[in-house]
Amino acid sequence: MKYILVIVCSFLFFASQAQTAESGWKIALHEPTPEFVVPKKNGEQVSSADLKGKIVLLNFFATWCPPCREELPRLQKEIWEKYKDHPKFELLVLAREQNWDKIDPFVSEHQFTLPIYPDLKRNVFGLFAEQGIPRNVILDTQGNIIYQSVGYEEKEFNQLIVLLDRLLLKD
């Protein structure tokens, strides 16, 4: 029974990826990011307006998503640990349809230090796409979208790192 469930879930995941490839993103490259607000655990918020002047990486994931679970350790090690103290970099990892009750045990189990926030009702994710995770979006210092990817592939993630290196190491 477990194997059937895994097969069905895999099929649904890949079907949603194919649909996403067809329908694409809600916002095109080089367009301004829509305004959004992300709740912090302490009751404060991060807004898109607060991020102007920085290179921003938005990562959309879910704790149950196998490709997300493959991508997040690389995000932690190869991006967050490298750029967390860079004054012109901001990372927002958004847990789609999940709240702190799912995020906290997941973070603890994997010993992540990434800044992970809930996107319980897809308030942010829904501005960018309908389906398909993981997703990555890079915003330039003016808040324009300069990179988008869906799914996790090693080659694509390597390209994301190269772009961030180019943007953040040029100073």
N, C-alpha and C. Protein backbone atom coordinates (compact mmCIF):
# COMPACT_ATOMS: atom_id res chain seq x y z
N MET A 1 0.82 -1.19 0.00
CA MET A 1 0.00 0.00 0.00
C MET A 1 0.87 1.26 0.00
N LYS A 2 1.99 1.23 0.77
CA LYS A 2 2.89 2.37 0.81
C LYS A 2 3.45 2.67 -0.57
N TYR A 3 3.79 1.63 -1.30
CA TYR A 3 4.39 1.80 -2.62
C TYR A 3 3.40 2.43 -3.58
N ILE A 4 2.14 2.04 -3.48
CA ILE A 4 1.12 2.62 -4.34
C ILE A 4 0.96 4.11 -4.02
N LEU A 5 0.96 4.45 -2.74
CA LEU A 5 0.86 5.84 -2.33
C LEU A 5 2.04 6.65 -2.85
N VAL A 6 3.24 6.10 -2.75
CA VAL A 6 4.43 6.79 -3.25
C VAL A 6 4.32 7.00 -4.76
N ILE A 7 3.87 6.00 -5.48
CA ILE A 7 3.73 6.10 -6.93
C ILE A 7 2.69 7.16 -7.28
N VAL A 8 1.56 7.15 -6.61
CA VAL A 8 0.51 8.13 -6.89
C VAL A 8 1.00 9.53 -6.57
N CYS A 9 1.65 9.71 -5.42
CA CYS A 9 2.18 11.03 -5.05
C CYS A 9 3.22 11.51 -6.05
N SER A 10 4.10 10.61 -6.48
CA SER A 10 5.11 10.97 -7.47
C SER A 10 4.45 11.38 -8.78
N PHE A 11 3.45 10.63 -9.20
CA PHE A 11 2.73 10.96 -10.43
C PHE A 11 2.08 12.34 -10.32
N LEU A 12 1.42 12.60 -9.20
CA LEU A 12 0.77 13.89 -9.01
C LEU A 12 1.79 15.02 -8.99
N PHE A 13 2.93 14.77 -8.34
CA PHE A 13 3.98 15.78 -8.30
C PHE A 13 4.47 16.10 -9.71
N PHE A 14 4.81 15.06 -10.48
CA PHE A 14 5.34 15.30 -11.83
C PHE A 14 4.28 15.86 -12.76
N ALA A 15 3.03 15.49 -12.55
CA ALA A 15 1.94 16.07 -13.35
C ALA A 15 1.82 17.55 -13.06
N SER A 16 1.94 17.92 -11.79
CA SER A 16 1.86 19.34 -11.45
C SER A 16 3.06 20.09 -12.01
N GLN A 17 4.22 19.45 -12.06
CA GLN A 17 5.40 20.09 -12.64
C GLN A 17 5.19 20.34 -14.14
N ALA A 18 4.60 19.36 -14.82
CA ALA A 18 4.34 19.52 -16.26
C ALA A 18 3.34 20.64 -16.48
N GLN A 19 2.30 20.70 -15.65
CA GLN A 19 1.30 21.75 -15.77
C GLN A 19 1.94 23.11 -15.53
N THR A 20 2.83 23.19 -14.54
CA THR A 20 3.50 24.44 -14.24
C THR A 20 4.35 24.89 -15.41
N ALA A 21 5.04 23.94 -16.03
CA ALA A 21 5.88 24.29 -17.18
C ALA A 21 5.03 24.89 -18.28
N GLU A 22 3.83 24.37 -18.45
CA GLU A 22 2.94 24.92 -19.47
C GLU A 22 2.39 26.28 -19.07
N SER A 23 1.91 26.39 -17.84
CA SER A 23 1.27 27.63 -17.41
C SER A 23 2.27 28.68 -16.98
N GLY A 24 3.44 28.26 -16.55
CA GLY A 24 4.51 29.19 -16.20
C GLY A 24 4.24 30.02 -14.96
N TRP A 25 4.92 31.11 -14.92
CA TRP A 25 4.87 32.03 -13.80
C TRP A 25 3.80 33.07 -14.02
N LYS A 26 3.32 33.63 -12.94
CA LYS A 26 2.34 34.71 -13.04
C LYS A 26 2.99 36.04 -13.38
N ILE A 27 4.29 36.15 -13.09
CA ILE A 27 5.02 37.39 -13.34
C ILE A 27 6.23 37.07 -14.20
N ALA A 28 6.44 37.85 -15.23
CA ALA A 28 7.54 37.61 -16.15
C ALA A 28 8.85 38.15 -15.59
N LEU A 29 9.94 37.63 -16.13
CA LEU A 29 11.26 38.16 -15.79
C LEU A 29 11.31 39.66 -16.08
N HIS A 30 12.07 40.36 -15.28
CA HIS A 30 12.30 41.79 -15.40
C HIS A 30 11.10 42.64 -15.01
N GLU A 31 10.05 42.01 -14.52
CA GLU A 31 8.90 42.74 -13.99
C GLU A 31 9.13 42.98 -12.50
N PRO A 32 8.50 44.02 -11.96
CA PRO A 32 8.63 44.25 -10.51
C PRO A 32 7.90 43.17 -9.72
N THR A 33 8.46 42.84 -8.57
CA THR A 33 7.80 41.87 -7.71
C THR A 33 6.52 42.49 -7.15
N PRO A 34 5.50 41.68 -6.97
CA PRO A 34 4.30 42.22 -6.31
C PRO A 34 4.61 42.50 -4.84
N GLU A 35 3.85 43.37 -4.25
CA GLU A 35 4.03 43.67 -2.83
C GLU A 35 3.56 42.48 -2.01
N PHE A 36 4.33 42.16 -0.97
CA PHE A 36 3.96 41.06 -0.09
C PHE A 36 4.48 41.32 1.31
N VAL A 37 3.92 40.59 2.26
CA VAL A 37 4.32 40.66 3.66
C VAL A 37 4.48 39.24 4.17
N VAL A 38 5.56 39.01 4.91
CA VAL A 38 5.85 37.69 5.47
C VAL A 38 5.89 37.84 7.00
N PRO A 39 5.11 37.00 7.71
CA PRO A 39 5.12 37.10 9.18
C PRO A 39 6.35 36.44 9.80
N LYS A 40 6.95 37.14 10.74
CA LYS A 40 8.05 36.57 11.52
C LYS A 40 7.45 35.92 12.76
N LYS A 41 8.21 35.06 13.38
CA LYS A 41 7.73 34.34 14.56
C LYS A 41 7.49 35.28 15.74
N ASN A 42 8.24 36.36 15.83
CA ASN A 42 8.11 37.29 16.95
C ASN A 42 6.95 38.27 16.78
N GLY A 43 6.15 38.09 15.74
CA GLY A 43 5.01 38.96 15.50
C GLY A 43 5.30 40.11 14.56
N GLU A 44 6.58 40.35 14.29
CA GLU A 44 6.94 41.38 13.31
C GLU A 44 6.73 40.84 11.90
N GLN A 45 6.98 41.68 10.90
CA GLN A 45 6.79 41.27 9.51
C GLN A 45 7.97 41.74 8.67
N VAL A 46 8.17 41.04 7.57
CA VAL A 46 9.10 41.45 6.53
C VAL A 46 8.23 41.79 5.33
N SER A 47 8.41 42.97 4.79
CA SER A 47 7.63 43.33 3.60
C SER A 47 8.55 43.47 2.40
N SER A 48 7.99 43.34 1.22
CA SER A 48 8.78 43.49 0.01
C SER A 48 9.43 44.87 -0.05
N ALA A 49 8.76 45.88 0.50
CA ALA A 49 9.33 47.23 0.52
C ALA A 49 10.60 47.28 1.35
N ASP A 50 10.68 46.47 2.42
CA ASP A 50 11.86 46.43 3.29
C ASP A 50 13.08 45.86 2.57
N LEU A 51 12.85 45.17 1.47
CA LEU A 51 13.92 44.44 0.80
C LEU A 51 14.60 45.24 -0.31
N LYS A 52 14.05 46.39 -0.64
CA LYS A 52 14.65 47.23 -1.70
C LYS A 52 16.09 47.54 -1.33
N GLY A 53 16.96 47.53 -2.33
CA GLY A 53 18.37 47.78 -2.11
C GLY A 53 19.18 46.52 -1.87
N LYS A 54 18.49 45.38 -1.81
CA LYS A 54 19.16 44.10 -1.58
C LYS A 54 18.88 43.12 -2.73
N ILE A 55 19.77 42.18 -2.90
CA ILE A 55 19.52 41.03 -3.76
C ILE A 55 18.76 40.05 -2.88
N VAL A 56 17.59 39.63 -3.33
CA VAL A 56 16.71 38.79 -2.52
C VAL A 56 16.49 37.45 -3.22
N LEU A 57 16.66 36.38 -2.47
CA LEU A 57 16.31 35.05 -2.96
C LEU A 57 15.08 34.59 -2.19
N LEU A 58 14.00 34.35 -2.93
CA LEU A 58 12.79 33.75 -2.37
C LEU A 58 12.81 32.27 -2.73
N ASN A 59 12.65 31.42 -1.75
CA ASN A 59 12.58 29.99 -1.99
C ASN A 59 11.25 29.50 -1.43
N PHE A 60 10.46 28.84 -2.28
CA PHE A 60 9.18 28.27 -1.87
C PHE A 60 9.33 26.76 -1.77
N PHE A 61 8.91 26.19 -0.64
CA PHE A 61 9.07 24.76 -0.42
C PHE A 61 7.94 24.27 0.48
N ALA A 62 7.94 22.97 0.73
CA ALA A 62 7.08 22.35 1.75
C ALA A 62 7.89 21.24 2.41
N THR A 63 7.62 21.01 3.67
CA THR A 63 8.40 20.01 4.41
C THR A 63 8.20 18.60 3.88
N TRP A 64 7.07 18.34 3.22
CA TRP A 64 6.76 17.00 2.72
C TRP A 64 7.30 16.76 1.30
N CYS A 65 7.84 17.77 0.66
CA CYS A 65 8.23 17.73 -0.76
C CYS A 65 9.63 17.13 -0.94
N PRO A 66 9.75 15.95 -1.59
CA PRO A 66 11.07 15.32 -1.77
C PRO A 66 12.09 16.20 -2.49
N PRO A 67 11.76 16.85 -3.62
CA PRO A 67 12.79 17.71 -4.25
C PRO A 67 13.19 18.89 -3.36
N CYS A 68 12.24 19.40 -2.58
CA CYS A 68 12.56 20.49 -1.65
C CYS A 68 13.55 20.02 -0.60
N ARG A 69 13.33 18.81 -0.11
CA ARG A 69 14.22 18.23 0.90
C ARG A 69 15.62 17.99 0.34
N GLU A 70 15.71 17.79 -0.95
CA GLU A 70 17.00 17.63 -1.61
C GLU A 70 17.69 18.99 -1.80
N GLU A 71 16.89 20.00 -2.10
CA GLU A 71 17.42 21.33 -2.38
C GLU A 71 17.83 22.10 -1.12
N LEU A 72 17.05 22.00 -0.06
CA LEU A 72 17.28 22.82 1.14
C LEU A 72 18.67 22.67 1.77
N PRO A 73 19.23 21.46 1.87
CA PRO A 73 20.59 21.38 2.42
C PRO A 73 21.61 22.14 1.58
N ARG A 74 21.44 22.16 0.28
CA ARG A 74 22.34 22.94 -0.58
C ARG A 74 22.10 24.43 -0.38
N LEU A 75 20.85 24.81 -0.25
CA LEU A 75 20.52 26.21 0.02
C LEU A 75 21.18 26.66 1.32
N GLN A 76 21.11 25.81 2.33
CA GLN A 76 21.73 26.10 3.63
C GLN A 76 23.24 26.26 3.48
N LYS A 77 23.88 25.25 2.92
CA LYS A 77 25.34 25.19 2.90
C LYS A 77 25.97 26.12 1.85
N GLU A 78 25.43 26.11 0.65
CA GLU A 78 26.09 26.80 -0.46
C GLU A 78 25.64 28.24 -0.68
N ILE A 79 24.52 28.61 -0.08
CA ILE A 79 24.05 30.00 -0.24
C ILE A 79 23.95 30.69 1.12
N TRP A 80 23.15 30.14 2.02
CA TRP A 80 22.94 30.80 3.30
C TRP A 80 24.24 30.96 4.09
N GLU A 81 24.99 29.90 4.25
CA GLU A 81 26.23 29.99 5.04
C GLU A 81 27.25 30.91 4.38
N LYS A 82 27.18 31.05 3.08
CA LYS A 82 28.12 31.92 2.36
C LYS A 82 27.72 33.39 2.45
N TYR A 83 26.41 33.68 2.36
CA TYR A 83 25.96 35.06 2.21
C TYR A 83 25.14 35.61 3.37
N LYS A 84 24.93 34.87 4.42
CA LYS A 84 24.04 35.32 5.50
C LYS A 84 24.48 36.64 6.11
N ASP A 85 25.77 36.94 6.10
CA ASP A 85 26.27 38.19 6.68
C ASP A 85 26.51 39.28 5.63
N HIS A 86 26.17 39.00 4.39
CA HIS A 86 26.37 40.00 3.33
C HIS A 86 25.29 41.08 3.48
N PRO A 87 25.69 42.33 3.58
CA PRO A 87 24.72 43.40 3.83
C PRO A 87 23.72 43.63 2.69
N LYS A 88 24.02 43.15 1.51
CA LYS A 88 23.13 43.36 0.36
C LYS A 88 22.35 42.10 -0.02
N PHE A 89 22.31 41.10 0.88
CA PHE A 89 21.62 39.85 0.58
C PHE A 89 20.54 39.57 1.60
N GLU A 90 19.42 39.06 1.09
CA GLU A 90 18.31 38.63 1.95
C GLU A 90 17.77 37.32 1.40
N LEU A 91 17.53 36.38 2.29
CA LEU A 91 16.94 35.09 1.92
C LEU A 91 15.63 34.92 2.68
N LEU A 92 14.58 34.60 1.95
CA LEU A 92 13.29 34.26 2.56
C LEU A 92 12.90 32.88 2.05
N VAL A 93 12.85 31.92 2.95
CA VAL A 93 12.43 30.56 2.62
C VAL A 93 11.01 30.44 3.14
N LEU A 94 10.07 30.19 2.23
CA LEU A 94 8.66 30.23 2.57
C LEU A 94 8.04 28.84 2.48
N ALA A 95 7.50 28.40 3.60
CA ALA A 95 6.87 27.08 3.69
C ALA A 95 5.42 27.19 3.23
N ARG A 96 5.18 26.69 2.03
CA ARG A 96 3.86 26.80 1.42
C ARG A 96 2.84 25.97 2.19
N GLU A 97 1.77 26.62 2.62
CA GLU A 97 0.65 26.00 3.33
C GLU A 97 1.07 25.34 4.65
N GLN A 98 2.12 25.87 5.25
CA GLN A 98 2.57 25.30 6.52
C GLN A 98 2.83 26.41 7.51
N ASN A 99 2.56 26.10 8.79
CA ASN A 99 2.74 27.07 9.85
C ASN A 99 3.87 26.60 10.76
N TRP A 100 4.09 27.34 11.84
CA TRP A 100 5.20 27.05 12.74
C TRP A 100 5.14 25.63 13.31
N ASP A 101 3.94 25.07 13.47
CA ASP A 101 3.83 23.72 14.03
C ASP A 101 4.48 22.67 13.14
N LYS A 102 4.60 22.93 11.86
CA LYS A 102 5.32 22.04 10.93
C LYS A 102 6.75 22.51 10.72
N ILE A 103 6.94 23.82 10.68
CA ILE A 103 8.26 24.38 10.38
C ILE A 103 9.26 24.10 11.51
N ASP A 104 8.87 24.37 12.75
CA ASP A 104 9.81 24.24 13.87
C ASP A 104 10.39 22.84 14.01
N PRO A 105 9.58 21.77 14.00
CA PRO A 105 10.19 20.43 14.11
C PRO A 105 11.07 20.08 12.90
N PHE A 106 10.68 20.54 11.72
CA PHE A 106 11.46 20.30 10.51
C PHE A 106 12.82 20.98 10.61
N VAL A 107 12.83 22.24 11.02
CA VAL A 107 14.08 22.99 11.18
C VAL A 107 14.97 22.32 12.23
N SER A 108 14.37 21.93 13.33
CA SER A 108 15.12 21.28 14.41
C SER A 108 15.72 19.95 13.96
N GLU A 109 14.90 19.16 13.29
CA GLU A 109 15.36 17.84 12.82
C GLU A 109 16.55 17.95 11.87
N HIS A 110 16.51 18.95 10.97
CA HIS A 110 17.56 19.09 9.96
C HIS A 110 18.64 20.10 10.35
N GLN A 111 18.48 20.72 11.51
CA GLN A 111 19.44 21.69 12.02
C GLN A 111 19.68 22.84 11.05
N PHE A 112 18.59 23.29 10.42
CA PHE A 112 18.69 24.43 9.51
C PHE A 112 18.77 25.73 10.30
N THR A 113 19.55 26.66 9.78
CA THR A 113 19.58 28.01 10.33
C THR A 113 19.00 29.01 9.32
N LEU A 114 18.52 28.48 8.22
CA LEU A 114 17.88 29.31 7.18
C LEU A 114 16.72 30.10 7.77
N PRO A 115 16.47 31.29 7.27
CA PRO A 115 15.31 32.05 7.71
C PRO A 115 14.04 31.51 7.03
N ILE A 116 13.33 30.64 7.72
CA ILE A 116 12.13 30.00 7.17
C ILE A 116 10.90 30.64 7.80
N TYR A 117 9.93 30.94 6.95
CA TYR A 117 8.69 31.60 7.37
C TYR A 117 7.49 30.84 6.82
N PRO A 118 6.36 30.94 7.50
CA PRO A 118 5.15 30.30 6.98
C PRO A 118 4.51 31.10 5.85
N ASP A 119 3.94 30.38 4.92
CA ASP A 119 3.09 30.97 3.87
C ASP A 119 1.81 30.13 3.86
N LEU A 120 1.14 30.16 5.00
CA LEU A 120 0.04 29.26 5.30
C LEU A 120 -1.06 29.27 4.26
N LYS A 121 -1.43 30.42 3.78
CA LYS A 121 -2.55 30.51 2.82
C LYS A 121 -2.06 30.87 1.41
N ARG A 122 -0.78 30.60 1.15
CA ARG A 122 -0.18 30.90 -0.15
C ARG A 122 -0.27 32.39 -0.50
N ASN A 123 -0.25 33.23 0.51
CA ASN A 123 -0.36 34.66 0.25
C ASN A 123 0.78 35.19 -0.60
N VAL A 124 1.97 34.66 -0.40
CA VAL A 124 3.12 35.09 -1.20
C VAL A 124 3.25 34.18 -2.42
N PHE A 125 3.25 32.87 -2.20
CA PHE A 125 3.41 31.93 -3.31
C PHE A 125 2.39 32.21 -4.41
N GLY A 126 1.15 32.47 -4.02
CA GLY A 126 0.07 32.71 -4.98
C GLY A 126 0.27 33.93 -5.85
N LEU A 127 1.14 34.83 -5.45
CA LEU A 127 1.46 36.00 -6.27
C LEU A 127 2.35 35.62 -7.45
N PHE A 128 3.12 34.54 -7.27
CA PHE A 128 4.10 34.14 -8.26
C PHE A 128 3.66 32.97 -9.14
N ALA A 129 2.90 32.02 -8.57
CA ALA A 129 2.54 30.81 -9.31
C ALA A 129 1.34 30.14 -8.66
N GLU A 130 0.77 29.18 -9.37
CA GLU A 130 -0.35 28.39 -8.84
C GLU A 130 0.12 27.09 -8.20
N GLN A 131 1.03 26.39 -8.87
CA GLN A 131 1.46 25.06 -8.44
C GLN A 131 2.96 24.90 -8.66
N GLY A 132 3.49 23.84 -8.06
CA GLY A 132 4.86 23.42 -8.33
C GLY A 132 5.88 24.00 -7.38
N ILE A 133 6.50 23.13 -6.60
CA ILE A 133 7.59 23.50 -5.72
C ILE A 133 8.67 22.43 -5.83
N PRO A 134 9.88 22.74 -5.49
CA PRO A 134 10.39 24.02 -5.03
C PRO A 134 10.44 25.04 -6.16
N ARG A 135 10.42 26.29 -5.76
CA ARG A 135 10.57 27.42 -6.69
C ARG A 135 11.56 28.40 -6.09
N ASN A 136 12.34 29.01 -6.96
CA ASN A 136 13.28 30.05 -6.54
C ASN A 136 13.07 31.28 -7.39
N VAL A 137 13.13 32.43 -6.75
CA VAL A 137 12.99 33.72 -7.42
C VAL A 137 14.09 34.62 -6.88
N ILE A 138 14.81 35.28 -7.77
CA ILE A 138 15.79 36.27 -7.34
C ILE A 138 15.29 37.64 -7.76
N LEU A 139 15.34 38.58 -6.81
CA LEU A 139 14.97 39.97 -7.06
C LEU A 139 16.25 40.82 -7.04
N ASP A 140 16.32 41.77 -7.97
CA ASP A 140 17.46 42.67 -7.95
C ASP A 140 17.25 43.77 -6.91
N THR A 141 18.16 44.68 -6.81
CA THR A 141 18.09 45.71 -5.76
C THR A 141 16.92 46.67 -5.95
N GLN A 142 16.33 46.72 -7.13
CA GLN A 142 15.15 47.54 -7.37
C GLN A 142 13.85 46.76 -7.15
N GLY A 143 13.96 45.46 -6.84
CA GLY A 143 12.77 44.65 -6.61
C GLY A 143 12.22 44.02 -7.87
N ASN A 144 13.01 43.97 -8.94
CA ASN A 144 12.60 43.34 -10.19
C ASN A 144 13.03 41.87 -10.20
N ILE A 145 12.22 41.04 -10.81
CA ILE A 145 12.52 39.61 -10.90
C ILE A 145 13.57 39.39 -11.98
N ILE A 146 14.70 38.82 -11.57
CA ILE A 146 15.78 38.58 -12.54
C ILE A 146 16.08 37.10 -12.73
N TYR A 147 15.42 36.24 -11.96
CA TYR A 147 15.66 34.79 -12.09
C TYR A 147 14.46 34.06 -11.53
N GLN A 148 14.07 32.98 -12.21
CA GLN A 148 13.00 32.11 -11.73
C GLN A 148 13.33 30.67 -12.10
N SER A 149 13.07 29.77 -11.16
CA SER A 149 13.21 28.35 -11.48
C SER A 149 12.15 27.57 -10.72
N VAL A 150 11.77 26.44 -11.30
CA VAL A 150 10.80 25.56 -10.64
C VAL A 150 11.36 24.14 -10.68
N GLY A 151 11.16 23.43 -9.58
CA GLY A 151 11.71 22.09 -9.46
C GLY A 151 13.14 22.17 -8.97
N TYR A 152 13.71 21.01 -8.70
CA TYR A 152 15.10 20.98 -8.29
C TYR A 152 15.88 20.10 -9.24
N GLU A 153 16.88 20.69 -9.86
CA GLU A 153 17.86 19.98 -10.66
C GLU A 153 19.22 20.54 -10.29
N GLU A 154 20.18 19.69 -10.13
CA GLU A 154 21.51 20.12 -9.72
C GLU A 154 22.07 21.19 -10.65
N LYS A 155 21.93 21.00 -11.96
CA LYS A 155 22.48 21.95 -12.93
C LYS A 155 21.82 23.32 -12.77
N GLU A 156 20.51 23.35 -12.63
CA GLU A 156 19.78 24.61 -12.46
C GLU A 156 20.20 25.31 -11.16
N PHE A 157 20.32 24.54 -10.08
CA PHE A 157 20.73 25.12 -8.80
C PHE A 157 22.14 25.69 -8.89
N ASN A 158 23.02 25.01 -9.63
CA ASN A 158 24.38 25.52 -9.84
C ASN A 158 24.35 26.87 -10.55
N GLN A 159 23.42 27.02 -11.51
CA GLN A 159 23.27 28.29 -12.22
C GLN A 159 22.80 29.40 -11.28
N LEU A 160 21.91 29.05 -10.37
CA LEU A 160 21.44 30.00 -9.37
C LEU A 160 22.61 30.49 -8.52
N ILE A 161 23.47 29.58 -8.10
CA ILE A 161 24.64 29.94 -7.29
C ILE A 161 25.58 30.84 -8.07
N VAL A 162 25.82 30.52 -9.34
CA VAL A 162 26.70 31.34 -10.18
C VAL A 162 26.14 32.76 -10.29
N LEU A 163 24.84 32.89 -10.49
CA LEU A 163 24.23 34.21 -10.59
C LEU A 163 24.39 34.98 -9.28
N LEU A 164 24.09 34.34 -8.16
CA LEU A 164 24.26 35.02 -6.86
C LEU A 164 25.70 35.43 -6.63
N ASP A 165 26.64 34.54 -6.97
CA ASP A 165 28.06 34.88 -6.83
C ASP A 165 28.39 36.12 -7.66
N ARG A 166 27.90 36.14 -8.89
CA ARG A 166 28.16 37.28 -9.77
C ARG A 166 27.59 38.58 -9.20
N LEU A 167 26.39 38.50 -8.64
CA LEU A 167 25.73 39.68 -8.10
C LEU A 167 26.32 40.15 -6.77
N LEU A 168 26.75 39.22 -5.94
CA LEU A 168 27.15 39.57 -4.58
C LEU A 168 28.66 39.65 -4.36
N LEU A 169 29.42 39.06 -5.24
CA LEU A 169 30.88 39.09 -5.08
C LEU A 169 31.54 40.19 -5.91
N LYS A 170 30.74 40.94 -6.64
CA LYS A 170 31.32 41.98 -7.51
C LYS A 170 31.78 43.20 -6.73
N ASP A 171 31.31 43.35 -5.50
CA ASP A 171 31.67 44.52 -4.69
C ASP A 171 33.11 44.47 -4.25
